[in-house]
Amino acid sequence: MFGLSELAIILVVVAAALAVKKLPELTRSAGKSARILKSEARAARDADEPGTPRVIPGETVGREDTGTGNDTGTGTGTGTGPRG
């Protein structure tokens, strides 16, 4: 008969054969979970250290580039003009 170790090896091989289709999805999900966990841990650590400025990398937008709503050429205003 089979021993416990042989049975465990057979079960692992069968599980691996059945899980081949799901393996990329599982690794993607595990990576996403790890990134979320890492960012939450970083946010918790940053919350413990008040007074430390938080720098978010990105593009600096000048005051004239903020889109103040004075653009009349788009037709997507607030609806204050005549309707047609």
PDB file of N, CA and C in Angstrom:
ATOM      1  N   MET A   1       0.832  -1.185   0.000  1.00  0.00           N
ATOM      2  CA  MET A   1       0.000   0.000   0.000  1.00  0.00           C
ATOM      3  C   MET A   1       0.873   1.242   0.000  1.00  0.00           C
ATOM      4  N   PHE A   2       0.222   2.345  -0.070  1.00  0.00           N
ATOM      5  CA  PHE A   2       0.938   3.623  -0.085  1.00  0.00           C
ATOM      6  C   PHE A   2       1.187   4.114   1.324  1.00  0.00           C
ATOM      7  N   GLY A   3       2.325   4.707   1.485  1.00  0.00           N
ATOM      8  CA  GLY A   3       2.622   5.353   2.750  1.00  0.00           C
ATOM      9  C   GLY A   3       2.134   6.804   2.710  1.00  0.00           C
ATOM     10  N   LEU A   4       2.276   7.467   3.807  1.00  0.00           N
ATOM     11  CA  LEU A   4       1.808   8.848   3.915  1.00  0.00           C
ATOM     12  C   LEU A   4       2.602   9.786   2.997  1.00  0.00           C
ATOM     13  N   SER A   5       3.902   9.572   2.885  1.00  0.00           N
ATOM     14  CA  SER A   5       4.718  10.448   2.052  1.00  0.00           C
ATOM     15  C   SER A   5       4.409  10.257   0.564  1.00  0.00           C
ATOM     16  N   GLU A   6       4.177   9.008   0.155  1.00  0.00           N
ATOM     17  CA  GLU A   6       3.825   8.772  -1.250  1.00  0.00           C
ATOM     18  C   GLU A   6       2.481   9.385  -1.594  1.00  0.00           C
ATOM     19  N   LEU A   7       1.527   9.265  -0.687  1.00  0.00           N
ATOM     20  CA  LEU A   7       0.202   9.844  -0.894  1.00  0.00           C
ATOM     21  C   LEU A   7       0.284  11.375  -0.984  1.00  0.00           C
ATOM     22  N   ALA A   8       1.114  11.978  -0.155  1.00  0.00           N
ATOM     23  CA  ALA A   8       1.285  13.432  -0.183  1.00  0.00           C
ATOM     24  C   ALA A   8       1.902  13.872  -1.509  1.00  0.00           C
ATOM     25  N   ILE A   9       2.867  13.120  -2.017  1.00  0.00           N
ATOM     26  CA  ILE A   9       3.507  13.462  -3.292  1.00  0.00           C
ATOM     27  C   ILE A   9       2.497  13.350  -4.429  1.00  0.00           C
ATOM     28  N   ILE A  10       1.684  12.319  -4.410  1.00  0.00           N
ATOM     29  CA  ILE A  10       0.662  12.151  -5.451  1.00  0.00           C
ATOM     30  C   ILE A  10      -0.342  13.296  -5.404  1.00  0.00           C
ATOM     31  N   LEU A  11      -0.772  13.679  -4.211  1.00  0.00           N
ATOM     32  CA  LEU A  11      -1.719  14.781  -4.081  1.00  0.00           C
ATOM     33  C   LEU A  11      -1.125  16.105  -4.566  1.00  0.00           C
ATOM     34  N   VAL A  12       0.144  16.344  -4.288  1.00  0.00           N
ATOM     35  CA  VAL A  12       0.809  17.568  -4.751  1.00  0.00           C
ATOM     36  C   VAL A  12       0.890  17.581  -6.271  1.00  0.00           C
ATOM     37  N   VAL A  13       1.226  16.450  -6.877  1.00  0.00           N
ATOM     38  CA  VAL A  13       1.323  16.374  -8.339  1.00  0.00           C
ATOM     39  C   VAL A  13      -0.044  16.593  -8.979  1.00  0.00           C
ATOM     40  N   VAL A  14      -1.082  15.977  -8.440  1.00  0.00           N
ATOM     41  CA  VAL A  14      -2.434  16.160  -8.977  1.00  0.00           C
ATOM     42  C   VAL A  14      -2.883  17.608  -8.815  1.00  0.00           C
ATOM     43  N   ALA A  15      -2.646  18.198  -7.669  1.00  0.00           N
ATOM     44  CA  ALA A  15      -3.029  19.592  -7.447  1.00  0.00           C
ATOM     45  C   ALA A  15      -2.274  20.518  -8.399  1.00  0.00           C
ATOM     46  N   ALA A  16      -1.001  20.258  -8.635  1.00  0.00           N
ATOM     47  CA  ALA A  16      -0.220  21.088  -9.557  1.00  0.00           C
ATOM     48  C   ALA A  16      -0.733  20.937 -10.982  1.00  0.00           C
ATOM     49  N   ALA A  17      -1.102  19.721 -11.371  1.00  0.00           N
ATOM     50  CA  ALA A  17      -1.614  19.500 -12.723  1.00  0.00           C
ATOM     51  C   ALA A  17      -2.942  20.207 -12.933  1.00  0.00           C
ATOM     52  N   LEU A  18      -3.776  20.241 -11.917  1.00  0.00           N
ATOM     53  CA  LEU A  18      -5.068  20.903 -12.035  1.00  0.00           C
ATOM     54  C   LEU A  18      -4.956  22.417 -11.914  1.00  0.00           C
ATOM     55  N   ALA A  19      -3.915  22.910 -11.250  1.00  0.00           N
ATOM     56  CA  ALA A  19      -3.781  24.340 -10.991  1.00  0.00           C
ATOM     57  C   ALA A  19      -2.941  25.068 -12.030  1.00  0.00           C
ATOM     58  N   VAL A  20      -2.465  24.374 -13.070  1.00  0.00           N
ATOM     59  CA  VAL A  20      -1.600  25.011 -14.059  1.00  0.00           C
ATOM     60  C   VAL A  20      -2.310  26.169 -14.748  1.00  0.00           C
ATOM     61  N   LYS A  21      -3.596  26.021 -15.038  1.00  0.00           N
ATOM     62  CA  LYS A  21      -4.342  27.088 -15.705  1.00  0.00           C
ATOM     63  C   LYS A  21      -4.517  28.303 -14.804  1.00  0.00           C
ATOM     64  N   LYS A  22      -4.646  28.106 -13.526  1.00  0.00           N
ATOM     65  CA  LYS A  22      -4.896  29.197 -12.586  1.00  0.00           C
ATOM     66  C   LYS A  22      -3.623  29.821 -12.031  1.00  0.00           C
ATOM     67  N   LEU A  23      -2.472  29.250 -12.324  1.00  0.00           N
ATOM     68  CA  LEU A  23      -1.224  29.714 -11.728  1.00  0.00           C
ATOM     69  C   LEU A  23      -0.903  31.171 -12.056  1.00  0.00           C
ATOM     70  N   PRO A  24      -0.995  31.642 -13.303  1.00  0.00           N
ATOM     71  CA  PRO A  24      -0.713  33.060 -13.559  1.00  0.00           C
ATOM     72  C   PRO A  24      -1.651  34.002 -12.805  1.00  0.00           C
ATOM     73  N   GLU A  25      -2.916  33.630 -12.734  1.00  0.00           N
ATOM     74  CA  GLU A  25      -3.880  34.459 -12.006  1.00  0.00           C
ATOM     75  C   GLU A  25      -3.564  34.495 -10.515  1.00  0.00           C
ATOM     76  N   LEU A  26      -3.166  33.342  -9.977  1.00  0.00           N
ATOM     77  CA  LEU A  26      -2.834  33.285  -8.557  1.00  0.00           C
ATOM     78  C   LEU A  26      -1.592  34.112  -8.235  1.00  0.00           C
ATOM     79  N   THR A  27      -0.572  34.050  -9.084  1.00  0.00           N
ATOM     80  CA  THR A  27       0.637  34.834  -8.821  1.00  0.00           C
ATOM     81  C   THR A  27       0.356  36.323  -8.960  1.00  0.00           C
ATOM     82  N   ARG A  28      -0.472  36.694  -9.940  1.00  0.00           N
ATOM     83  CA  ARG A  28      -0.844  38.105 -10.104  1.00  0.00           C
ATOM     84  C   ARG A  28      -1.586  38.605  -8.867  1.00  0.00           C
ATOM     85  N   SER A  29      -2.498  37.799  -8.381  1.00  0.00           N
ATOM     86  CA  SER A  29      -3.268  38.161  -7.202  1.00  0.00           C
ATOM     87  C   SER A  29      -2.376  38.265  -5.963  1.00  0.00           C
ATOM     88  N   ALA A  30      -1.433  37.350  -5.837  1.00  0.00           N
ATOM     89  CA  ALA A  30      -0.513  37.394  -4.696  1.00  0.00           C
ATOM     90  C   ALA A  30       0.367  38.640  -4.750  1.00  0.00           C
ATOM     91  N   GLY A  31       0.824  38.996  -5.944  1.00  0.00           N
ATOM     92  CA  GLY A  31       1.639  40.210  -6.087  1.00  0.00           C
ATOM     93  C   GLY A  31       0.853  41.459  -5.759  1.00  0.00           C
ATOM     94  N   LYS A  32      -0.394  41.511  -6.208  1.00  0.00           N
ATOM     95  CA  LYS A  32      -1.248  42.665  -5.915  1.00  0.00           C
ATOM     96  C   LYS A  32      -1.499  42.772  -4.413  1.00  0.00           C
ATOM     97  N   SER A  33      -1.737  41.643  -3.771  1.00  0.00           N
ATOM     98  CA  SER A  33      -1.963  41.634  -2.324  1.00  0.00           C
ATOM     99  C   SER A  33      -0.716  42.095  -1.575  1.00  0.00           C
ATOM    100  N   ALA A  34       0.449  41.663  -2.043  1.00  0.00           N
ATOM    101  CA  ALA A  34       1.703  42.073  -1.398  1.00  0.00           C
ATOM    102  C   ALA A  34       1.918  43.576  -1.539  1.00  0.00           C
ATOM    103  N   ARG A  35       1.605  44.131  -2.725  1.00  0.00           N
ATOM    104  CA  ARG A  35       1.746  45.581  -2.913  1.00  0.00           C
ATOM    105  C   ARG A  35       0.794  46.349  -2.010  1.00  0.00           C
ATOM    106  N   ILE A  36      -0.447  45.873  -1.883  1.00  0.00           N
ATOM    107  CA  ILE A  36      -1.418  46.542  -1.020  1.00  0.00           C
ATOM    108  C   ILE A  36      -0.954  46.489   0.430  1.00  0.00           C
ATOM    109  N   LEU A  37      -0.502  45.332   0.862  1.00  0.00           N
ATOM    110  CA  LEU A  37      -0.024  45.180   2.233  1.00  0.00           C
ATOM    111  C   LEU A  37       1.159  46.097   2.503  1.00  0.00           C
ATOM    112  N   LYS A  38       2.073  46.185   1.543  1.00  0.00           N
ATOM    113  CA  LYS A  38       3.249  47.036   1.699  1.00  0.00           C
ATOM    114  C   LYS A  38       2.853  48.505   1.792  1.00  0.00           C
ATOM    115  N   SER A  39       1.916  48.949   0.943  1.00  0.00           N
ATOM    116  CA  SER A  39       1.506  50.347   0.982  1.00  0.00           C
ATOM    117  C   SER A  39       0.740  50.674   2.257  1.00  0.00           C
ATOM    118  N   GLU A  40      -0.068  49.735   2.738  1.00  0.00           N
ATOM    119  CA  GLU A  40      -0.785  49.961   3.993  1.00  0.00           C
ATOM    120  C   GLU A  40       0.177  50.018   5.168  1.00  0.00           C
ATOM    121  N   ALA A  41       1.187  49.178   5.161  1.00  0.00           N
ATOM    122  CA  ALA A  41       2.182  49.210   6.238  1.00  0.00           C
ATOM    123  C   ALA A  41       2.953  50.525   6.212  1.00  0.00           C
ATOM    124  N   ARG A  42       3.272  51.004   4.998  1.00  0.00           N
ATOM    125  CA  ARG A  42       3.974  52.277   4.869  1.00  0.00           C
ATOM    126  C   ARG A  42       3.088  53.425   5.347  1.00  0.00           C
ATOM    127  N   ALA A  43       1.802  53.382   5.023  1.00  0.00           N
ATOM    128  CA  ALA A  43       0.880  54.439   5.449  1.00  0.00           C
ATOM    129  C   ALA A  43       0.733  54.436   6.967  1.00  0.00           C
ATOM    130  N   ALA A  44       0.669  53.256   7.569  1.00  0.00           N
ATOM    131  CA  ALA A  44       0.573  53.176   9.022  1.00  0.00           C
ATOM    132  C   ALA A  44       1.832  53.709   9.684  1.00  0.00           C
ATOM    133  N   ARG A  45       2.985  53.407   9.094  1.00  0.00           N
ATOM    134  CA  ARG A  45       4.247  53.898   9.646  1.00  0.00           C
ATOM    135  C   ARG A  45       4.333  55.413   9.502  1.00  0.00           C
ATOM    136  N   ASP A  46       3.879  55.951   8.367  1.00  0.00           N
ATOM    137  CA  ASP A  46       3.911  57.396   8.160  1.00  0.00           C
ATOM    138  C   ASP A  46       2.931  58.112   9.080  1.00  0.00           C
ATOM    139  N   ALA A  47       1.834  57.467   9.422  1.00  0.00           N
ATOM    140  CA  ALA A  47       0.868  58.072  10.337  1.00  0.00           C
ATOM    141  C   ALA A  47       1.446  58.166  11.739  1.00  0.00           C
ATOM    142  N   ASP A  48       2.372  57.277  12.077  1.00  0.00           N
ATOM    143  CA  ASP A  48       2.999  57.303  13.393  1.00  0.00           C
ATOM    144  C   ASP A  48       4.036  58.418  13.518  1.00  0.00           C
ATOM    145  N   GLU A  49       4.501  58.957  12.396  1.00  0.00           N
ATOM    146  CA  GLU A  49       5.528  59.992  12.394  1.00  0.00           C
ATOM    147  C   GLU A  49       4.942  61.304  11.873  1.00  0.00           C
ATOM    148  N   PRO A  50       4.173  62.041  12.706  1.00  0.00           N
ATOM    149  CA  PRO A  50       3.604  63.300  12.223  1.00  0.00           C
ATOM    150  C   PRO A  50       4.688  64.353  12.034  1.00  0.00           C
ATOM    151  N   GLY A  51       4.435  65.274  11.150  1.00  0.00           N
ATOM    152  CA  GLY A  51       5.388  66.337  10.893  1.00  0.00           C
ATOM    153  C   GLY A  51       6.338  66.043   9.749  1.00  0.00           C
ATOM    154  N   THR A  52       6.335  64.818   9.283  1.00  0.00           N
ATOM    155  CA  THR A  52       7.176  64.458   8.163  1.00  0.00           C
ATOM    156  C   THR A  52       6.411  64.766   6.879  1.00  0.00           C
ATOM    157  N   PRO A  53       6.975  65.622   6.027  1.00  0.00           N
ATOM    158  CA  PRO A  53       6.249  65.954   4.787  1.00  0.00           C
ATOM    159  C   PRO A  53       6.159  64.740   3.874  1.00  0.00           C
ATOM    160  N   ARG A  54       5.006  64.588   3.254  1.00  0.00           N
ATOM    161  CA  ARG A  54       4.799  63.479   2.333  1.00  0.00           C
ATOM    162  C   ARG A  54       4.969  63.993   0.913  1.00  0.00           C
ATOM    163  N   VAL A  55       5.899  63.415   0.191  1.00  0.00           N
ATOM    164  CA  VAL A  55       6.201  63.832  -1.165  1.00  0.00           C
ATOM    165  C   VAL A  55       5.591  62.819  -2.120  1.00  0.00           C
ATOM    166  N   ILE A  56       4.742  63.309  -3.006  1.00  0.00           N
ATOM    167  CA  ILE A  56       4.131  62.450  -4.009  1.00  0.00           C
ATOM    168  C   ILE A  56       4.761  62.798  -5.346  1.00  0.00           C
ATOM    169  N   PRO A  57       5.468  61.846  -5.956  1.00  0.00           N
ATOM    170  CA  PRO A  57       6.098  62.152  -7.233  1.00  0.00           C
ATOM    171  C   PRO A  57       5.039  62.394  -8.300  1.00  0.00           C
ATOM    172  N   GLY A  58       5.293  63.378  -9.134  1.00  0.00           N
ATOM    173  CA  GLY A  58       4.333  63.687 -10.186  1.00  0.00           C
ATOM    174  C   GLY A  58       4.758  64.919 -10.946  1.00  0.00           C
ATOM    175  N   GLU A  59       3.815  65.498 -11.617  1.00  0.00           N
ATOM    176  CA  GLU A  59       4.077  66.649 -12.452  1.00  0.00           C
ATOM    177  C   GLU A  59       3.613  67.902 -11.735  1.00  0.00           C
ATOM    178  N   THR A  60       4.432  68.939 -11.760  1.00  0.00           N
ATOM    179  CA  THR A  60       4.067  70.205 -11.154  1.00  0.00           C
ATOM    180  C   THR A  60       3.213  70.993 -12.131  1.00  0.00           C
ATOM    181  N   VAL A  61       2.076  71.454 -11.657  1.00  0.00           N
ATOM    182  CA  VAL A  61       1.158  72.210 -12.500  1.00  0.00           C
ATOM    183  C   VAL A  61       1.174  73.651 -12.029  1.00  0.00           C
ATOM    184  N   GLY A  62       1.438  74.552 -12.972  1.00  0.00           N
ATOM    185  CA  GLY A  62       1.441  75.975 -12.645  1.00  0.00           C
ATOM    186  C   GLY A  62       0.031  76.495 -12.428  1.00  0.00           C
ATOM    187  N   ARG A  63      -0.094  77.654 -11.833  1.00  0.00           N
ATOM    188  CA  ARG A  63      -1.395  78.229 -11.533  1.00  0.00           C
ATOM    189  C   ARG A  63      -2.194  78.508 -12.798  1.00  0.00           C
ATOM    190  N   GLU A  64      -1.530  78.920 -13.877  1.00  0.00           N
ATOM    191  CA  GLU A  64      -2.234  79.217 -15.122  1.00  0.00           C
ATOM    192  C   GLU A  64      -2.670  77.956 -15.856  1.00  0.00           C
ATOM    193  N   ASP A  65      -2.180  76.798 -15.476  1.00  0.00           N
ATOM    194  CA  ASP A  65      -2.532  75.548 -16.143  1.00  0.00           C
ATOM    195  C   ASP A  65      -3.595  74.748 -15.397  1.00  0.00           C
ATOM    196  N   THR A  66      -4.199  75.297 -14.382  1.00  0.00           N
ATOM    197  CA  THR A  66      -5.106  74.515 -13.553  1.00  0.00           C
ATOM    198  C   THR A  66      -6.499  74.384 -14.123  1.00  0.00           C
ATOM    199  N   GLY A  67      -6.857  75.091 -15.168  1.00  0.00           N
ATOM    200  CA  GLY A  67      -8.187  74.987 -15.749  1.00  0.00           C
ATOM    201  C   GLY A  67      -9.227  75.659 -14.883  1.00  0.00           C
ATOM    202  N   THR A  68      -9.230  76.975 -14.867  1.00  0.00           N
ATOM    203  CA  THR A  68     -10.106  77.726 -13.976  1.00  0.00           C
ATOM    204  C   THR A  68     -11.539  77.780 -14.451  1.00  0.00           C
ATOM    205  N   GLY A  69     -11.845  77.247 -15.633  1.00  0.00           N
ATOM    206  CA  GLY A  69     -13.210  77.228 -16.115  1.00  0.00           C
ATOM    207  C   GLY A  69     -13.543  78.404 -17.016  1.00  0.00           C
ATOM    208  N   ASN A  70     -12.559  79.185 -17.419  1.00  0.00           N
ATOM    209  CA  ASN A  70     -12.800  80.341 -18.266  1.00  0.00           C
ATOM    210  C   ASN A  70     -12.707  80.012 -19.740  1.00  0.00           C
ATOM    211  N   ASP A  71     -12.527  78.775 -20.077  1.00  0.00           N
ATOM    212  CA  ASP A  71     -12.413  78.355 -21.469  1.00  0.00           C
ATOM    213  C   ASP A  71     -13.802  78.287 -22.077  1.00  0.00           C
ATOM    214  N   THR A  72     -14.072  79.129 -23.079  1.00  0.00           N
ATOM    215  CA  THR A  72     -15.412  79.184 -23.665  1.00  0.00           C
ATOM    216  C   THR A  72     -15.508  78.404 -24.955  1.00  0.00           C
ATOM    217  N   GLY A  73     -14.432  77.807 -25.428  1.00  0.00           N
ATOM    218  CA  GLY A  73     -14.452  77.128 -26.711  1.00  0.00           C
ATOM    219  C   GLY A  73     -14.860  75.665 -26.658  1.00  0.00           C
ATOM    220  N   THR A  74     -15.026  75.086 -25.483  1.00  0.00           N
ATOM    221  CA  THR A  74     -15.295  73.657 -25.422  1.00  0.00           C
ATOM    222  C   THR A  74     -16.771  73.314 -25.401  1.00  0.00           C
ATOM    223  N   GLY A  75     -17.615  74.204 -24.937  1.00  0.00           N
ATOM    224  CA  GLY A  75     -19.035  73.916 -24.858  1.00  0.00           C
ATOM    225  C   GLY A  75     -19.405  73.019 -23.697  1.00  0.00           C
ATOM    226  N   THR A  76     -18.503  72.825 -22.750  1.00  0.00           N
ATOM    227  CA  THR A  76     -18.776  71.982 -21.590  1.00  0.00           C
ATOM    228  C   THR A  76     -18.825  72.817 -20.331  1.00  0.00           C
ATOM    229  N   GLY A  77     -19.418  73.966 -20.397  1.00  0.00           N
ATOM    230  CA  GLY A  77     -19.475  74.885 -19.253  1.00  0.00           C
ATOM    231  C   GLY A  77     -20.481  74.435 -18.215  1.00  0.00           C
ATOM    232  N   THR A  78     -20.923  75.396 -17.409  1.00  0.00           N
ATOM    233  CA  THR A  78     -21.812  75.080 -16.294  1.00  0.00           C
ATOM    234  C   THR A  78     -23.277  75.177 -16.679  1.00  0.00           C
ATOM    235  N   GLY A  79     -23.587  75.492 -17.927  1.00  0.00           N
ATOM    236  CA  GLY A  79     -24.968  75.567 -18.357  1.00  0.00           C
ATOM    237  C   GLY A  79     -25.603  76.914 -18.159  1.00  0.00           C
ATOM    238  N   THR A  80     -24.806  77.985 -18.098  1.00  0.00           N
ATOM    239  CA  THR A  80     -25.342  79.313 -17.844  1.00  0.00           C
ATOM    240  C   THR A  80     -25.754  80.015 -19.136  1.00  0.00           C
ATOM    241  N   GLY A  81     -25.383  79.464 -20.297  1.00  0.00           N
ATOM    242  CA  GLY A  81     -25.707  80.097 -21.565  1.00  0.00           C
ATOM    243  C   GLY A  81     -27.053  79.612 -22.095  1.00  0.00           C
ATOM    244  N   PRO A  82     -27.456  80.153 -23.268  1.00  0.00           N
ATOM    245  CA  PRO A  82     -28.740  79.744 -23.859  1.00  0.00           C
ATOM    246  C   PRO A  82     -28.653  78.319 -24.371  1.00  0.00           C
ATOM    247  N   ARG A  83     -29.768  77.623 -24.297  1.00  0.00           N
ATOM    248  CA  ARG A  83     -29.830  76.235 -24.772  1.00  0.00           C
ATOM    249  C   ARG A  83     -30.378  76.214 -26.176  1.00  0.00           C
ATOM    250  N   GLY A  84     -29.891  75.261 -27.003  1.00  0.00           N
ATOM    251  CA  GLY A  84     -30.338  75.245 -28.382  1.00  0.00           C
ATOM    252  C   GLY A  84     -30.806  73.977 -28.884  1.00  0.00           C
TER     253      GLY A  84
END
